[in-house]
N, C-alpha and C. Protein backbone atom coordinates (compact mmCIF):
# COMPACT_ATOMS: atom_id res chain seq x y z
N UNK A 1 6.81 17.66 0.60
CA UNK A 1 7.84 17.01 0.53
C UNK A 1 8.74 16.88 1.90
N UNK A 2 9.09 15.77 2.15
CA UNK A 2 9.76 15.81 3.65
C UNK A 2 10.79 15.12 3.18
N UNK A 3 11.96 15.78 3.18
CA UNK A 3 13.46 15.51 2.52
C UNK A 3 13.85 14.41 3.60
N UNK A 4 13.30 14.46 5.36
CA UNK A 4 13.79 13.50 6.21
C UNK A 4 13.28 12.32 6.23
N UNK A 5 11.91 12.17 5.14
CA UNK A 5 11.01 10.88 5.06
C UNK A 5 11.76 9.79 4.66
N UNK A 6 10.61 8.82 5.35
CA UNK A 6 11.70 7.63 4.83
C UNK A 6 11.46 7.45 3.13
N UNK A 7 12.23 6.88 2.30
CA UNK A 7 12.12 6.56 0.95
C UNK A 7 11.42 5.32 0.47
N UNK A 8 10.46 4.93 0.12
CA UNK A 8 9.57 4.00 -0.08
C UNK A 8 10.28 3.48 -1.26
N UNK A 9 10.41 1.74 -1.57
CA UNK A 9 11.15 1.48 -2.47
C UNK A 9 10.05 0.10 -2.60
N UNK A 10 9.22 -0.05 -3.89
CA UNK A 10 8.37 -1.03 -4.21
C UNK A 10 8.70 -1.95 -5.24
N UNK A 11 9.39 -2.87 -5.08
CA UNK A 11 10.11 -4.19 -6.19
C UNK A 11 9.59 -5.22 -5.53
N UNK A 12 9.09 -6.21 -6.32
CA UNK A 12 8.70 -7.66 -6.08
C UNK A 12 10.13 -8.36 -6.56
N UNK A 13 10.94 -8.15 -6.95
CA UNK A 13 12.23 -8.92 -7.50
C UNK A 13 13.15 -8.49 -6.00
N UNK A 14 13.31 -10.16 -5.52
CA UNK A 14 13.91 -9.85 -4.26
C UNK A 14 15.77 -9.88 -4.27
N UNK A 15 16.33 -9.91 -5.71
CA UNK A 15 17.14 -9.47 -5.95
C UNK A 15 17.57 -8.14 -6.15
N UNK A 16 16.73 -7.45 -6.92
CA UNK A 16 16.63 -6.15 -7.04
C UNK A 16 16.57 -5.36 -5.67
N UNK A 17 16.06 -5.95 -4.86
CA UNK A 17 15.53 -5.30 -3.57
C UNK A 17 16.75 -5.67 -3.00
N UNK A 18 17.35 -6.31 -2.56
CA UNK A 18 19.06 -6.51 -2.16
C UNK A 18 19.96 -5.49 -2.67
N UNK A 19 19.74 -5.74 -3.73
CA UNK A 19 21.06 -4.65 -4.64
C UNK A 19 20.51 -3.34 -4.35
N UNK A 20 19.39 -3.01 -4.03
CA UNK A 20 19.05 -1.38 -3.97
C UNK A 20 19.42 -1.26 -2.46
N UNK A 21 19.10 -2.06 -1.62
CA UNK A 21 19.36 -1.88 0.01
C UNK A 21 20.77 -1.89 -0.10
N UNK A 22 21.63 -2.74 -0.57
CA UNK A 22 23.10 -2.63 -0.45
C UNK A 22 23.74 -0.92 -1.11
N UNK A 23 22.69 -0.81 -1.90
CA UNK A 23 23.44 0.71 -2.48
C UNK A 23 23.22 1.66 -1.73
N UNK A 24 21.86 1.70 -1.06
CA UNK A 24 21.12 2.64 -0.39
C UNK A 24 22.15 2.94 1.18
N UNK A 25 22.19 1.62 1.90
CA UNK A 25 23.27 1.47 2.78
C UNK A 25 24.87 2.17 2.42
N UNK A 26 25.65 1.97 1.22
CA UNK A 26 26.42 2.68 0.70
C UNK A 26 26.59 3.99 0.47
N UNK A 27 25.28 4.57 -0.15
CA UNK A 27 25.34 5.74 -0.04
C UNK A 27 25.42 6.51 1.32
N UNK A 28 24.85 5.77 2.10
CA UNK A 28 24.49 6.39 3.58
C UNK A 28 23.83 7.53 4.11
N UNK A 29 22.53 8.00 2.90
CA UNK A 29 21.88 8.79 3.31
C UNK A 29 20.98 8.45 4.60
N UNK A 30 20.45 10.07 5.31
CA UNK A 30 19.97 9.90 6.40
C UNK A 30 18.38 9.31 6.51
N UNK A 31 17.88 9.05 5.74
CA UNK A 31 16.55 8.71 5.22
C UNK A 31 16.53 7.14 5.36
N UNK A 32 15.64 6.79 6.20
CA UNK A 32 15.18 5.27 6.45
C UNK A 32 14.40 4.71 4.72
N UNK A 33 15.06 3.64 4.78
CA UNK A 33 14.83 2.81 3.21
C UNK A 33 13.42 1.86 3.48
N UNK A 34 12.42 1.83 3.13
CA UNK A 34 11.39 1.18 3.60
C UNK A 34 11.00 0.33 2.61
N UNK A 35 11.05 -1.17 2.27
CA UNK A 35 10.42 -1.83 0.89
C UNK A 35 9.42 -2.52 0.87
N UNK A 36 9.24 -2.29 -0.10
CA UNK A 36 7.70 -3.07 -0.18
C UNK A 36 7.66 -4.48 -1.32
N UNK A 37 6.89 -5.33 -1.23
CA UNK A 37 7.00 -6.23 -2.30
C UNK A 37 6.23 -5.82 -3.74
N UNK A 38 4.82 -5.33 -3.06
CA UNK A 38 3.84 -4.82 -4.00
C UNK A 38 3.33 -3.65 -3.99
N UNK A 39 2.35 -2.81 -4.79
CA UNK A 39 1.56 -1.87 -4.38
C UNK A 39 0.93 -2.01 -3.21
N UNK A 40 0.12 -2.83 -3.16
CA UNK A 40 -0.81 -3.22 -2.43
C UNK A 40 -0.60 -2.81 -1.07
N UNK A 41 0.65 -3.23 -0.50
CA UNK A 41 1.18 -3.66 1.13
C UNK A 41 1.68 -1.84 0.90
N UNK A 42 2.54 -1.44 -0.01
CA UNK A 42 3.13 0.08 -0.06
C UNK A 42 1.45 1.06 0.12
N UNK A 43 0.42 0.82 -0.27
CA UNK A 43 -0.44 1.76 -0.65
C UNK A 43 -1.41 1.43 0.80
N UNK A 44 -1.30 0.51 1.69
CA UNK A 44 -1.72 0.10 3.04
C UNK A 44 -1.00 0.64 4.01
N UNK A 45 0.44 1.00 3.84
CA UNK A 45 1.53 1.72 4.71
C UNK A 45 1.13 3.24 4.72
N UNK A 46 0.87 3.62 3.28
CA UNK A 46 0.99 4.94 2.85
C UNK A 46 -0.73 5.55 3.89
N UNK A 47 -1.63 4.55 3.67
CA UNK A 47 -2.75 5.09 4.35
C UNK A 47 -2.86 4.92 5.82
N UNK A 48 -1.78 4.02 6.40
CA UNK A 48 -2.12 3.84 7.67
C UNK A 48 -0.84 4.88 8.46
N UNK A 49 0.01 5.67 7.88
CA UNK A 49 1.08 6.55 8.60
C UNK A 49 0.51 7.66 8.51
N UNK A 50 1.27 8.47 9.20
CA UNK A 50 0.70 9.80 9.46
C UNK A 50 2.34 10.43 9.06
N UNK A 51 3.18 9.77 8.44
CA UNK A 51 4.53 10.18 8.24
C UNK A 51 4.37 10.11 6.45
N UNK A 52 5.08 11.67 6.46
CA UNK A 52 5.01 12.16 4.82
C UNK A 52 6.51 11.50 4.49
N UNK A 53 6.36 10.26 3.23
CA UNK A 53 8.09 9.66 3.06
C UNK A 53 8.45 11.04 1.99
N UNK A 54 9.82 10.88 1.83
CA UNK A 54 10.73 11.41 0.71
C UNK A 54 10.13 11.32 -0.59
N UNK A 55 10.31 9.99 -1.13
CA UNK A 55 9.96 9.85 -2.42
C UNK A 55 9.52 8.42 -2.54
N UNK A 56 8.98 8.07 -3.40
CA UNK A 56 8.56 6.60 -3.71
C UNK A 56 9.14 6.23 -5.11
N UNK A 57 9.93 5.36 -5.13
CA UNK A 57 10.39 4.47 -6.00
C UNK A 57 9.82 3.16 -6.15
N UNK A 58 9.23 3.05 -7.56
CA UNK A 58 8.40 1.78 -7.72
C UNK A 58 8.56 0.89 -9.02
N UNK A 59 8.97 0.03 -9.11
CA UNK A 59 8.62 -0.89 -10.28
C UNK A 59 7.45 -0.92 -10.93
N UNK A 60 7.01 -1.39 -12.18
CA UNK A 60 5.94 -1.13 -12.95
C UNK A 60 5.17 -2.31 -12.76
N UNK A 61 5.82 -3.47 -13.39
CA UNK A 61 5.10 -4.83 -13.40
C UNK A 61 5.86 -5.69 -11.81
N UNK A 62 4.31 -5.82 -11.39
CA UNK A 62 4.28 -6.29 -9.99
C UNK A 62 3.10 -7.04 -9.34
N UNK A 63 3.02 -8.19 -8.73
CA UNK A 63 1.67 -8.64 -8.33
C UNK A 63 0.56 -7.69 -7.38
N UNK A 64 -0.17 -7.87 -7.60
CA UNK A 64 -1.68 -7.29 -6.82
C UNK A 64 -1.96 -5.85 -7.22
N UNK A 65 -0.91 -4.96 -7.07
CA UNK A 65 -1.31 -3.81 -7.42
C UNK A 65 -0.08 -3.21 -8.52
N UNK A 66 0.18 -3.10 -9.67
CA UNK A 66 1.19 -2.78 -10.08
C UNK A 66 1.60 -1.11 -9.91
N UNK A 67 2.61 -0.82 -10.87
CA UNK A 67 2.99 0.62 -10.35
C UNK A 67 2.07 1.91 -10.65
N UNK A 68 1.63 1.36 -12.29
CA UNK A 68 0.54 2.21 -12.88
C UNK A 68 -0.86 2.60 -11.97
N UNK A 69 -1.38 1.35 -10.99
CA UNK A 69 -2.61 1.35 -10.37
C UNK A 69 -1.87 1.74 -9.41
N UNK A 70 -1.00 1.94 -8.54
CA UNK A 70 -0.78 2.33 -7.40
C UNK A 70 -0.52 3.95 -7.50
N UNK A 71 -0.04 4.12 -8.40
CA UNK A 71 -0.14 5.97 -9.01
C UNK A 71 -1.72 6.39 -9.20
N UNK A 72 -2.27 5.79 -9.75
CA UNK A 72 -3.95 6.25 -9.98
C UNK A 72 -4.24 6.18 -8.65
N UNK A 73 -4.54 5.17 -7.69
CA UNK A 73 -4.91 5.43 -6.41
C UNK A 73 -4.34 6.37 -5.70
N UNK A 74 -3.01 6.78 -5.83
CA UNK A 74 -2.66 7.92 -4.65
C UNK A 74 -3.24 9.27 -5.52
N UNK A 75 -3.02 9.23 -6.47
CA UNK A 75 -3.62 10.64 -7.12
C UNK A 75 -5.15 10.62 -7.14
N UNK A 76 -5.58 9.41 -6.59
CA UNK A 76 -7.44 9.52 -6.58
C UNK A 76 -7.75 9.97 -5.08
N UNK A 77 -6.90 9.95 -4.33
CA UNK A 77 -6.77 9.88 -2.89
C UNK A 77 -6.11 11.27 -2.49
N UNK A 78 -7.62 12.12 -2.12
CA UNK A 78 -7.02 13.61 -1.91
C UNK A 78 -5.96 13.74 -0.93
N UNK A 79 -5.94 13.23 0.22
CA UNK A 79 -4.79 13.14 1.37
C UNK A 79 -3.42 12.79 0.77
N UNK A 80 -3.56 11.42 0.31
CA UNK A 80 -1.99 11.29 -0.24
C UNK A 80 -1.78 12.05 -1.34
N UNK A 81 -2.54 12.30 -2.10
CA UNK A 81 -2.22 13.67 -3.34
C UNK A 81 -1.91 14.91 -2.91
N UNK A 82 -2.22 15.11 -1.86
CA UNK A 82 -1.95 16.59 -1.06
C UNK A 82 -0.45 16.52 -0.72
N UNK A 83 0.08 15.51 -0.32
CA UNK A 83 1.26 15.03 0.61
C UNK A 83 2.42 15.62 -0.42
N UNK A 84 2.64 15.55 -1.54
CA UNK A 84 3.28 16.10 -2.74
C UNK A 84 4.44 14.88 -2.75
N UNK A 85 4.28 13.80 -2.45
CA UNK A 85 5.71 13.03 -2.31
C UNK A 85 5.92 12.77 -3.89
N UNK A 86 6.86 12.93 -4.32
CA UNK A 86 7.31 12.67 -5.46
C UNK A 86 7.17 10.75 -5.75
N UNK A 87 7.06 10.69 -7.29
CA UNK A 87 6.78 9.50 -7.47
C UNK A 87 7.36 8.92 -8.63
N UNK A 88 8.43 8.09 -8.80
CA UNK A 88 9.04 8.05 -9.94
C UNK A 88 9.21 6.18 -10.02
N UNK A 89 9.73 5.93 -11.25
CA UNK A 89 9.49 4.54 -11.54
C UNK A 89 10.90 4.22 -12.19
N UNK A 90 11.33 3.13 -11.35
CA UNK A 90 12.65 2.29 -11.25
C UNK A 90 12.29 1.05 -12.43
N UNK A 91 12.34 0.82 -13.16
CA UNK A 91 11.93 -0.67 -13.99
C UNK A 91 12.65 -0.95 -15.14
N UNK A 92 12.50 -2.17 -15.65
CA UNK A 92 12.93 -2.69 -17.10
C UNK A 92 12.03 -2.64 -18.22
N UNK A 93 10.51 -1.99 -17.75
CA UNK A 93 10.07 -1.94 -19.13
C UNK A 93 9.89 -0.44 -19.63
N UNK A 94 10.90 -0.21 -20.81
CA UNK A 94 11.33 1.07 -21.45
C UNK A 94 10.99 1.26 -22.85
N UNK A 95 9.89 0.91 -23.09
CA UNK A 95 9.46 1.41 -24.38
C UNK A 95 8.72 2.51 -24.37
N UNK A 96 8.32 3.22 -25.78
CA UNK A 96 7.87 4.40 -25.70
C UNK A 96 6.55 4.59 -25.49
N UNK A 97 5.66 3.37 -25.52
CA UNK A 97 4.13 3.24 -24.69
C UNK A 97 4.24 3.43 -23.08
N UNK A 98 5.12 2.29 -22.62
CA UNK A 98 5.20 2.71 -21.05
C UNK A 98 5.50 3.93 -20.52
N UNK A 99 6.69 4.68 -21.04
CA UNK A 99 7.23 6.04 -20.57
C UNK A 99 6.11 7.38 -21.29
N UNK A 100 5.25 6.98 -22.09
CA UNK A 100 4.21 7.85 -22.21
C UNK A 100 3.18 7.88 -21.43
N UNK A 101 2.89 6.46 -20.88
CA UNK A 101 1.73 6.11 -20.10
C UNK A 101 2.29 6.28 -18.41
N UNK A 102 3.51 6.34 -18.40
CA UNK A 102 3.69 7.26 -17.12
C UNK A 102 3.96 8.52 -16.99
N UNK A 103 4.33 9.27 -17.85
CA UNK A 103 4.10 10.82 -17.77
C UNK A 103 2.80 10.80 -17.74
N UNK A 104 1.52 10.26 -18.34
CA UNK A 104 0.36 10.44 -18.40
C UNK A 104 -0.20 10.79 -16.99
N UNK A 105 0.12 9.56 -16.27
CA UNK A 105 -0.22 9.70 -14.88
C UNK A 105 0.85 10.65 -13.63
N UNK A 106 1.38 11.31 -14.27
CA UNK A 106 1.99 12.34 -13.72
C UNK A 106 3.35 11.97 -12.99
N UNK A 107 3.99 10.90 -13.26
CA UNK A 107 5.44 10.59 -12.50
C UNK A 107 6.37 11.22 -12.46
N UNK A 108 7.31 11.72 -11.90
CA UNK A 108 8.17 12.47 -11.86
C UNK A 108 9.27 12.15 -12.03
N UNK A 109 9.76 11.04 -12.78
CA UNK A 109 10.69 10.20 -13.07
C UNK A 109 10.79 8.98 -13.53
N UNK A 110 11.17 8.58 -14.68
CA UNK A 110 10.99 7.32 -15.18
C UNK A 110 12.45 6.84 -15.28
N UNK A 111 13.14 5.60 -14.79
CA UNK A 111 14.25 4.95 -14.75
C UNK A 111 14.46 3.69 -15.03
N UNK A 112 15.51 3.45 -15.95
CA UNK A 112 16.00 1.85 -16.04
C UNK A 112 16.67 1.44 -15.01
N UNK A 113 16.30 0.33 -14.53
CA UNK A 113 17.25 -0.60 -13.94
C UNK A 113 18.71 -0.63 -14.47
N UNK A 114 19.55 -0.55 -13.83
CA UNK A 114 21.12 -0.53 -14.10
C UNK A 114 21.52 -1.80 -14.16
N UNK A 115 22.52 -2.43 -14.71
CA UNK A 115 23.29 -3.55 -14.55
C UNK A 115 24.10 -3.84 -13.40
N UNK A 116 24.96 -2.63 -13.54
CA UNK A 116 26.36 -3.10 -12.45
C UNK A 116 26.09 -2.12 -10.93
N UNK A 117 26.66 -2.70 -10.34
CA UNK A 117 26.25 -2.04 -8.78
C UNK A 117 27.10 -0.61 -9.13
N UNK A 118 28.07 -0.28 -9.94
CA UNK A 118 28.14 1.24 -9.63
C UNK A 118 27.51 1.95 -10.59
N UNK A 119 26.91 1.53 -11.48
CA UNK A 119 25.49 2.47 -12.48
C UNK A 119 24.51 2.45 -11.68
N UNK A 120 23.89 1.54 -10.50
CA UNK A 120 22.67 1.47 -9.62
C UNK A 120 23.08 2.97 -8.40
N UNK A 121 24.33 2.89 -8.46
CA UNK A 121 24.81 3.89 -6.97
C UNK A 121 24.87 5.00 -7.58
N UNK A 122 25.44 5.38 -9.05
CA UNK A 122 25.39 6.39 -9.86
C UNK A 122 23.91 7.22 -9.78
N UNK A 123 23.17 6.10 -10.56
CA UNK A 123 21.56 6.38 -10.78
C UNK A 123 20.84 6.63 -9.41
N UNK A 124 20.95 6.24 -8.13
CA UNK A 124 20.61 6.41 -6.92
C UNK A 124 20.78 7.69 -6.18
N UNK A 125 22.15 7.88 -6.36
CA UNK A 125 22.59 9.31 -5.67
C UNK A 125 21.94 10.39 -6.82
N UNK A 126 22.11 9.94 -8.06
CA UNK A 126 21.70 11.56 -8.74
C UNK A 126 19.75 11.75 -8.40
N UNK A 127 19.51 10.52 -8.35
CA UNK A 127 18.05 10.55 -7.93
C UNK A 127 17.69 11.38 -6.42
N UNK A 128 18.76 10.61 -5.56
CA UNK A 128 18.42 11.09 -4.15
C UNK A 128 18.74 13.02 -3.88
N UNK A 129 19.81 13.25 -4.84
CA UNK A 129 20.18 14.60 -4.54
C UNK A 129 19.28 15.64 -5.20
N UNK A 130 18.96 15.16 -6.51
CA UNK A 130 18.18 16.14 -7.28
C UNK A 130 17.01 16.38 -6.26
N UNK A 131 16.48 15.06 -5.48
CA UNK A 131 15.28 15.54 -4.80
C UNK A 131 15.47 16.05 -3.71
N UNK A 132 16.68 16.05 -3.16
CA UNK A 132 17.20 16.74 -1.65
C UNK A 132 17.11 18.29 -1.83
N UNK A 133 17.44 18.63 -2.86
CA UNK A 133 17.46 19.75 -3.50
C UNK A 133 16.16 20.77 -4.18
N UNK A 134 15.09 19.81 -4.66
CA UNK A 134 14.00 20.64 -5.32
C UNK A 134 13.24 20.92 -4.27
N UNK A 135 12.42 22.04 -4.58
CA UNK A 135 11.34 22.84 -3.61
C UNK A 135 10.08 22.13 -3.72
N UNK A 136 9.05 22.33 -2.79
CA UNK A 136 7.61 21.57 -3.16
C UNK A 136 6.96 22.42 -2.46
N UNK A 137 5.50 22.62 -2.61
CA UNK A 137 4.40 23.27 -1.62
C UNK A 137 4.53 23.33 -0.33
N UNK A 138 5.00 22.29 0.31
CA UNK A 138 4.93 22.17 1.60
C UNK A 138 6.17 23.01 2.04
N UNK A 139 7.17 23.39 1.20
CA UNK A 139 7.94 24.42 1.59
C UNK A 139 7.81 25.33 2.12
N UNK A 140 6.75 25.75 1.97
CA UNK A 140 5.95 27.60 1.93
C UNK A 140 4.97 27.39 3.40
N UNK A 141 4.97 26.30 3.57
CA UNK A 141 4.06 26.02 4.99
C UNK A 141 4.98 26.86 6.17
N UNK A 142 4.02 27.65 6.87
CA UNK A 142 4.60 28.17 8.32
C UNK A 142 4.39 27.44 9.47
């Protein structure tokens, strides 16, 4: 895990992207925030860059390549999988079937989109702070 790497946010709704962008700016983390409108564009980026992202925050219901399909492609790609990039869902789809399916593909977190700016800010702060403190296999490489 690259604590200084970019945060990849995959969100097809422009209003949600705008809100998340505003909140990340307010939180003032040093990580670059990179937005993608669909999983296909995000996957293209992940395959084209040598940079290891800090975390991936993905919506589920998106055009072209949804959150589950993207997660599966990352898990199936040995090189991407070995980068140990935390993969989280941030979505409105919160029913038992969806949550169970998410954890069956080894997402490291499932979060429901919040309505207010303050709640979104609190949620993203908790997510970022948790992952900043977490250790991963790459932490032991010399």
